[in-house]
Amino acid sequence: MDLIKSPRVEERPKVDYVGIRVITPFSGMMRVRDDLLAELVRWLEARGAGAVGPFFLRLHVIDMSGPMDLEVGAVTPERLAGDRERVRPATLPAGRYATLVYRNHAMRANKALLQWVRDNRVTLDRQETSEGDAFGCRYEAYLTDPRTEPRKTRWETELSMRVAD
């Protein structure tokens, strides 16, 4: 993993986006992400929504041995209506976020940020549920546009987890 920006806590405003949310097993999750990303790009292009980004993967509920509740989204300069069937408008909530920026090796980056959170006694906005770990907001924003750089190992990614109030 290449650490581009070290872990820290930042204040963030709310951010509008459109996304596609699904439940999928952890195994094969990244293939599902790639398929949803391609679908969302096609949906945006069909509506002439040119100025979007970054794209991101939001993890609502994590269960690495069971189903994952995830969403692929794109930040939009204004609130788009979505289509009410598959692509829906939503908001990344305002608040403080533990964050870092990395390239390559998402699992290592997640472990590094979670270790930093523990070491610095930061409390995340998360709760254990019967479905898994539910997060107020946890996402990986692709600072490198996947439409122009297909090699995922070159993507700069901002990993962010909302901090509890």
Foldseek 3Di string as FASTA:
>chain_A
DAFPFDKDKDWDAKFKKKKFKDKDALVCVVVVLVVRVVVVVVVCVVVVQDDKDDWKKKWFFDDNHGITIIMIIITHPDFDCFDVPGMHMDMLHTAMKTKTKGADDPVVVVVNSVVVCVVVVFAFQWDQDPRHIGASIWMKTFPDHCVVPVDRNGTIIMTITHTDD
